[in-house]
C-alpha atoms as a PDB file:
ATOM      1  CA  SER A   1     -33.117-165.412-145.009  1.00  0.00           C
ATOM      2  CA  ARG A   2     -35.316-167.755-147.065  1.00  0.00           C
ATOM      3  CA  GLY A   3     -37.407-164.801-148.184  1.00  0.00           C
ATOM      4  CA  LEU A   4     -34.298-162.901-149.232  1.00  0.00           C
ATOM      5  CA  HIS A   5     -32.905-165.944-151.057  1.00  0.00           C
ATOM      6  CA  TYR A   6     -36.251-166.313-152.826  1.00  0.00           C
ATOM      7  CA  VAL A   7     -36.030-162.779-154.251  1.00  0.00           C
ATOM      8  CA  GLY A   8     -32.487-163.371-155.516  1.00  0.00           C
ATOM      9  CA  ALA A   9     -30.292-162.004-152.739  1.00  0.00           C
ATOM     10  CA  ASN A  10     -26.919-163.450-151.877  1.00  0.00           C
ATOM     11  CA  VAL A  11     -27.483-163.809-148.119  1.00  0.00           C
ATOM     12  CA  GLU A  12     -24.903-164.290-145.396  1.00  0.00           C
ATOM     13  CA  SER A  13     -26.195-164.662-141.847  1.00  0.00           C
ATOM     14  CA  SER A  14     -23.482-163.300-139.591  1.00  0.00           C
ATOM     15  CA  VAL A  15     -22.742-162.252-136.041  1.00  0.00           C
ATOM     16  CA  ASP A  16     -19.254-161.092-137.024  1.00  0.00           C
ATOM     17  CA  PRO A  17     -19.004-157.284-136.793  1.00  0.00           C
ATOM     18  CA  ASP A  18     -16.280-157.130-139.464  1.00  0.00           C
ATOM     19  CA  SER A  19     -18.449-159.007-141.965  1.00  0.00           C
ATOM     20  CA  VAL A  20     -21.419-156.773-141.182  1.00  0.00           C
ATOM     21  CA  CYS A  21     -19.316-153.620-141.649  1.00  0.00           C
ATOM     22  CA  LYS A  22     -18.342-154.841-145.142  1.00  0.00           C
ATOM     23  CA  ALA A  23     -21.899-155.767-146.183  1.00  0.00           C
ATOM     24  CA  GLU A  24     -23.480-154.041-149.162  1.00  0.00           C
ATOM     25  CA  ARG A  25     -26.725-153.782-147.161  1.00  0.00           C
ATOM     26  CA  ILE A  26     -28.023-155.356-143.966  1.00  0.00           C
ATOM     27  CA  VAL A  27     -31.276-156.700-142.615  1.00  0.00           C
ATOM     28  CA  LEU A  28     -31.699-156.485-138.851  1.00  0.00           C
ATOM     29  CA  PRO A  29     -34.391-159.034-137.957  1.00  0.00           C
ATOM     30  CA  GLY A  30     -35.779-159.585-134.532  1.00  0.00           C
ATOM     31  CA  VAL A  31     -38.372-161.389-132.485  1.00  0.00           C
ATOM     32  CA  GLY A  32     -38.649-161.074-128.714  1.00  0.00           C
ATOM     33  CA  ALA A  33     -37.950-158.462-126.073  1.00  0.00           C
ATOM     34  CA  PHE A  34     -36.151-155.184-126.759  1.00  0.00           C
ATOM     35  CA  ALA A  35     -33.729-155.357-123.817  1.00  0.00           C
ATOM     36  CA  SER A  36     -32.476-158.861-124.601  1.00  0.00           C
ATOM     37  CA  GLY A  37     -32.179-158.001-128.303  1.00  0.00           C
ATOM     38  CA  MET A  38     -30.020-154.970-127.555  1.00  0.00           C
ATOM     39  CA  GLU A  39     -27.957-156.872-124.975  1.00  0.00           C
ATOM     40  CA  GLU A  40     -27.145-159.511-127.589  1.00  0.00           C
ATOM     41  CA  LEU A  41     -26.208-156.906-130.212  1.00  0.00           C
ATOM     42  CA  GLN A  42     -23.927-155.155-127.731  1.00  0.00           C
ATOM     43  CA  ALA A  43     -22.332-158.382-126.460  1.00  0.00           C
ATOM     44  CA  LEU A  44     -21.392-159.289-130.032  1.00  0.00           C
ATOM     45  CA  GLY A  45     -20.255-155.777-131.003  1.00  0.00           C
ATOM     46  CA  MET A  46     -23.012-155.731-133.609  1.00  0.00           C
ATOM     47  CA  ASP A  47     -24.512-152.454-132.376  1.00  0.00           C
ATOM     48  CA  GLU A  48     -21.415-150.517-133.473  1.00  0.00           C
ATOM     49  CA  ALA A  49     -21.227-152.467-136.731  1.00  0.00           C
ATOM     50  CA  VAL A  50     -24.824-151.536-137.603  1.00  0.00           C
ATOM     51  CA  LYS A  51     -24.084-147.886-136.774  1.00  0.00           C
ATOM     52  CA  GLN A  52     -21.024-147.943-139.057  1.00  0.00           C
ATOM     53  CA  VAL A  53     -23.104-149.298-141.942  1.00  0.00           C
ATOM     54  CA  ALA A  54     -25.669-146.544-141.302  1.00  0.00           C
ATOM     55  CA  GLN A  55     -22.992-143.838-141.259  1.00  0.00           C
ATOM     56  CA  ALA A  56     -21.554-145.199-144.512  1.00  0.00           C
ATOM     57  CA  GLY A  57     -24.946-144.619-146.159  1.00  0.00           C
ATOM     58  CA  ARG A  58     -25.588-148.257-147.030  1.00  0.00           C
ATOM     59  CA  PRO A  59     -29.187-149.543-146.848  1.00  0.00           C
ATOM     60  CA  ILE A  60     -30.426-150.996-143.568  1.00  0.00           C
ATOM     61  CA  LEU A  61     -33.768-152.742-143.115  1.00  0.00           C
ATOM     62  CA  GLY A  62     -35.036-153.482-139.595  1.00  0.00           C
ATOM     63  CA  ILE A  63     -37.917-155.940-139.273  1.00  0.00           C
ATOM     64  CA  CYS A  64     -40.268-156.120-136.247  1.00  0.00           C
ATOM     65  CA  LEU A  65     -38.020-155.933-133.158  1.00  0.00           C
ATOM     66  CA  GLY A  66     -35.211-155.029-135.583  1.00  0.00           C
ATOM     67  CA  MET A  67     -37.194-151.913-136.519  1.00  0.00           C
ATOM     68  CA  GLN A  68     -37.819-150.975-132.898  1.00  0.00           C
ATOM     69  CA  MET A  69     -34.124-151.266-132.050  1.00  0.00           C
ATOM     70  CA  LEU A  70     -33.387-148.568-134.660  1.00  0.00           C
ATOM     71  CA  LEU A  71     -34.937-145.974-132.320  1.00  0.00           C
ATOM     72  CA  ASP A  72     -33.429-144.230-129.277  1.00  0.00           C
ATOM     73  CA  THR A  73     -35.209-146.014-126.448  1.00  0.00           C
ATOM     74  CA  SER A  74     -37.887-148.522-125.541  1.00  0.00           C
ATOM     75  CA  ASN A  75     -40.240-148.551-122.564  1.00  0.00           C
ATOM     76  CA  GLU A  76     -40.672-152.330-122.766  1.00  0.00           C
ATOM     77  CA  HIS A  77     -40.227-153.650-119.182  1.00  0.00           C
ATOM     78  CA  GLY A  78     -38.236-150.598-118.092  1.00  0.00           C
ATOM     79  CA  LYS A  79     -36.340-148.030-120.135  1.00  0.00           C
ATOM     80  CA  HIS A  80     -33.679-149.379-122.491  1.00  0.00           C
ATOM     81  CA  ALA A  81     -31.378-147.688-125.004  1.00  0.00           C
ATOM     82  CA  GLY A  82     -31.651-148.593-128.672  1.00  0.00           C
ATOM     83  CA  LEU A  83     -29.337-147.928-131.603  1.00  0.00           C
ATOM     84  CA  GLY A  84     -30.390-144.269-131.891  1.00  0.00           C
ATOM     85  CA  LEU A  85     -30.422-144.259-135.695  1.00  0.00           C
ATOM     86  CA  ILE A  86     -33.913-142.765-135.896  1.00  0.00           C
ATOM     87  CA  PRO A  87     -34.950-140.459-133.034  1.00  0.00           C
ATOM     88  CA  GLY A  88     -37.918-141.815-131.130  1.00  0.00           C
ATOM     89  CA  VAL A  89     -39.258-144.198-128.526  1.00  0.00           C
ATOM     90  CA  VAL A  90     -40.987-147.575-128.429  1.00  0.00           C
ATOM     91  CA  VAL A  91     -44.094-147.659-126.217  1.00  0.00           C
ATOM     92  CA  PRO A  92     -46.776-150.234-125.384  1.00  0.00           C
ATOM     93  CA  ILE A  93     -49.816-150.360-127.631  1.00  0.00           C
ATOM     94  CA  PRO A  94     -52.479-148.813-125.374  1.00  0.00           C
ATOM     95  CA  THR A  95     -54.997-151.369-124.176  1.00  0.00           C
ATOM     96  CA  VAL A  96     -57.570-148.943-122.748  1.00  0.00           C
ATOM     97  CA  ASP A  97     -59.153-145.799-124.222  1.00  0.00           C
ATOM     98  CA  ASN A  98     -61.373-143.487-122.154  1.00  0.00           C
ATOM     99  CA  ASP A  99     -61.316-145.969-119.249  1.00  0.00           C
ATOM    100  CA  GLU A 100     -63.685-148.204-121.212  1.00  0.00           C
ATOM    101  CA  PHE A 101     -62.418-149.821-124.374  1.00  0.00           C
ATOM    102  CA  GLN A 102     -60.138-152.836-123.966  1.00  0.00           C
ATOM    103  CA  ARG A 103     -57.851-153.143-126.998  1.00  0.00           C
ATOM    104  CA  LYS A 104     -56.487-156.621-127.671  1.00  0.00           C
ATOM    105  CA  VAL A 105     -52.710-156.849-127.344  1.00  0.00           C
ATOM    106  CA  PRO A 106     -50.632-158.218-128.944  1.00  0.00           C
ATOM    107  CA  HIS A 107     -51.680-156.970-132.346  1.00  0.00           C
ATOM    108  CA  ILE A 108     -51.580-160.202-134.345  1.00  0.00           C
ATOM    109  CA  GLY A 109     -52.737-160.712-137.902  1.00  0.00           C
ATOM    110  CA  TRP A 110     -53.197-158.971-141.215  1.00  0.00           C
ATOM    111  CA  ASN A 111     -53.535-155.209-141.409  1.00  0.00           C
ATOM    112  CA  ALA A 112     -53.565-152.664-144.231  1.00  0.00           C
ATOM    113  CA  LEU A 113     -50.827-150.079-144.672  1.00  0.00           C
ATOM    114  CA  LYS A 114     -51.937-146.479-145.024  1.00  0.00           C
ATOM    115  CA  PHE A 115     -50.156-143.242-145.829  1.00  0.00           C
ATOM    116  CA  PRO A 116     -49.504-141.075-142.785  1.00  0.00           C
ATOM    117  CA  ILE A 117     -51.021-137.579-142.934  1.00  0.00           C
ATOM    118  CA  HIS A 118     -47.854-135.938-144.312  1.00  0.00           C
ATOM    119  CA  ARG A 119     -47.246-138.456-147.112  1.00  0.00           C
ATOM    120  CA  ARG A 120     -48.998-139.174-150.411  1.00  0.00           C
ATOM    121  CA  ASN A 121     -46.655-141.830-151.807  1.00  0.00           C
ATOM    122  CA  TRP A 122     -43.813-144.159-150.962  1.00  0.00           C
ATOM    123  CA  ASN A 123     -41.571-143.109-153.845  1.00  0.00           C
ATOM    124  CA  HIS A 124     -37.849-143.887-153.495  1.00  0.00           C
ATOM    125  CA  THR A 125     -38.379-146.304-150.583  1.00  0.00           C
ATOM    126  CA  CYS A 126     -38.730-150.076-150.467  1.00  0.00           C
ATOM    127  CA  LEU A 127     -42.497-149.536-150.096  1.00  0.00           C
ATOM    128  CA  ASP A 128     -42.775-147.945-153.532  1.00  0.00           C
ATOM    129  CA  VAL A 129     -43.818-151.397-154.820  1.00  0.00           C
ATOM    130  CA  ALA A 130     -46.770-151.385-152.390  1.00  0.00           C
ATOM    131  CA  SER A 131     -50.222-149.898-152.785  1.00  0.00           C
ATOM    132  CA  GLU A 132     -52.050-148.192-149.965  1.00  0.00           C
ATOM    133  CA  GLY A 133     -54.511-150.650-148.468  1.00  0.00           C
ATOM    134  CA  THR A 134     -52.376-153.742-149.082  1.00  0.00           C
ATOM    135  CA  TYR A 135     -52.390-156.137-146.129  1.00  0.00           C
ATOM    136  CA  TYR A 136     -49.270-157.329-144.305  1.00  0.00           C
ATOM    137  CA  TYR A 137     -48.750-159.630-141.325  1.00  0.00           C
ATOM    138  CA  PHE A 138     -48.155-158.042-137.902  1.00  0.00           C
ATOM    139  CA  VAL A 139     -47.335-159.541-134.506  1.00  0.00           C
ATOM    140  CA  HIS A 140     -46.302-157.056-131.792  1.00  0.00           C
ATOM    141  CA  SER A 141     -47.275-155.533-128.436  1.00  0.00           C
ATOM    142  CA  PHE A 142     -45.151-152.366-128.634  1.00  0.00           C
ATOM    143  CA  MET A 143     -45.155-149.609-131.233  1.00  0.00           C
ATOM    144  CA  ALA A 144     -42.637-147.116-132.555  1.00  0.00           C
ATOM    145  CA  VAL A 145     -43.240-143.400-132.024  1.00  0.00           C
ATOM    146  CA  PRO A 146     -40.617-141.397-133.962  1.00  0.00           C
ATOM    147  CA  ASP A 147     -39.862-137.897-132.622  1.00  0.00           C
ATOM    148  CA  ASN A 148     -40.278-136.484-136.130  1.00  0.00           C
ATOM    149  CA  SER A 149     -43.525-137.525-137.823  1.00  0.00           C
ATOM    150  CA  GLU A 150     -41.725-137.160-141.172  1.00  0.00           C
ATOM    151  CA  HIS A 151     -39.907-140.398-140.297  1.00  0.00           C
ATOM    152  CA  ILE A 152     -43.203-142.329-140.281  1.00  0.00           C
ATOM    153  CA  LEU A 153     -43.314-144.066-143.640  1.00  0.00           C
ATOM    154  CA  ALA A 154     -46.581-145.986-143.186  1.00  0.00           C
ATOM    155  CA  GLU A 155     -49.262-146.548-140.586  1.00  0.00           C
ATOM    156  CA  CYS A 156     -52.074-148.986-139.969  1.00  0.00           C
ATOM    157  CA  LEU A 157     -55.295-148.620-138.029  1.00  0.00           C
ATOM    158  CA  TYR A 158     -55.628-151.025-135.141  1.00  0.00           C
ATOM    159  CA  GLN A 159     -58.853-150.994-133.157  1.00  0.00           C
ATOM    160  CA  GLY A 160     -59.233-147.224-133.338  1.00  0.00           C
ATOM    161  CA  ILE A 161     -55.601-146.033-133.117  1.00  0.00           C
ATOM    162  CA  ARG A 162     -52.893-145.311-135.648  1.00  0.00           C
ATOM    163  CA  VAL A 163     -49.900-147.604-135.257  1.00  0.00           C
ATOM    164  CA  THR A 164     -46.593-147.034-137.034  1.00  0.00           C
ATOM    165  CA  GLY A 165     -46.212-149.695-139.718  1.00  0.00           C
ATOM    166  CA  ALA A 166     -42.906-148.488-141.185  1.00  0.00           C
ATOM    167  CA  ILE A 167     -40.281-145.828-140.542  1.00  0.00           C
ATOM    168  CA  ASN A 168     -37.614-144.299-142.745  1.00  0.00           C
ATOM    169  CA  LYS A 169     -34.739-141.862-142.441  1.00  0.00           C
ATOM    170  CA  GLU A 170     -32.379-141.601-145.396  1.00  0.00           C
ATOM    171  CA  ASN A 171     -30.807-145.063-145.913  1.00  0.00           C
ATOM    172  CA  ILE A 172     -32.503-146.609-142.849  1.00  0.00           C
ATOM    173  CA  THR A 173     -35.915-148.273-143.043  1.00  0.00           C
ATOM    174  CA  GLY A 174     -37.867-150.219-140.467  1.00  0.00           C
ATOM    175  CA  LEU A 175     -40.927-152.421-140.962  1.00  0.00           C
ATOM    176  CA  GLN A 176     -43.104-153.346-137.999  1.00  0.00           C
ATOM    177  CA  PHE A 177     -44.773-156.075-140.051  1.00  0.00           C
ATOM    178  CA  HIS A 178     -43.114-159.243-141.317  1.00  0.00           C
ATOM    179  CA  PRO A 179     -42.602-159.042-145.095  1.00  0.00           C
ATOM    180  CA  GLU A 180     -41.315-162.626-145.164  1.00  0.00           C
ATOM    181  CA  ARG A 181     -44.692-163.795-143.799  1.00  0.00           C
ATOM    182  CA  SER A 182     -46.794-161.515-145.985  1.00  0.00           C
ATOM    183  CA  GLY A 183     -46.964-163.494-149.218  1.00  0.00           C
ATOM    184  CA  PRO A 184     -46.172-161.986-152.637  1.00  0.00           C
ATOM    185  CA  SER A 185     -46.702-158.405-151.413  1.00  0.00           C
ATOM    186  CA  GLY A 186     -44.115-158.828-148.676  1.00  0.00           C
ATOM    187  CA  LEU A 187     -41.642-160.548-150.981  1.00  0.00           C
ATOM    188  CA  ALA A 188     -41.994-157.611-153.394  1.00  0.00           C
ATOM    189  CA  ILE A 189     -40.795-155.291-150.615  1.00  0.00           C
ATOM    190  CA  LEU A 190     -37.787-157.523-149.920  1.00  0.00           C
ATOM    191  CA  ARG A 191     -37.025-157.648-153.652  1.00  0.00           C
ATOM    192  CA  ARG A 192     -37.165-153.852-153.826  1.00  0.00           C
ATOM    193  CA  PHE A 193     -34.844-153.531-150.804  1.00  0.00           C
ATOM    194  CA  VAL A 194     -32.339-155.941-152.332  1.00  0.00           C
ATOM    195  CA  ALA A 195     -32.369-153.954-155.578  1.00  0.00           C
ATOM    196  CA  SER A 196     -32.044-150.525-153.926  1.00  0.00           C
END
């Protein structure tokens, strides 16, 4: 919320579904395990509130675990249902390729965003203030795999594989990286989301 305050947003942190349903836009943050994150949303009635905001066409921004919960399911420590706002699954970042290479997980640190194969710009999204190759801060062990590659907004290369860095479907955007920890470039994305 400090990052959002810094870029001029009027921020209310809430676990009240009625307040969330009335919000002009929402940010769904998250750190931790998928199952416990979804359990907490459901216990508070926040899952339905987020879905109502999505159906109303108001902007939603999921960050890190918040992005992953936008998808249908996660394979993190079993199979768990997500919010189902963007079709797809969350899977572990593979640690081994060709029975030889040991990839370090979690993916922690700075990585550059790249256009996915089907995209040449980030126009009309909160990433339209970003340039390809700009570095952002990541910390995660699981990655989003949307069913429709058109929903992949940005990728990064991590030790030889493409990892989804951002997803988008209509008014719903998810960022795997932490914009609030990514310096001026990350704050620019938050500013753009607040202004959208």
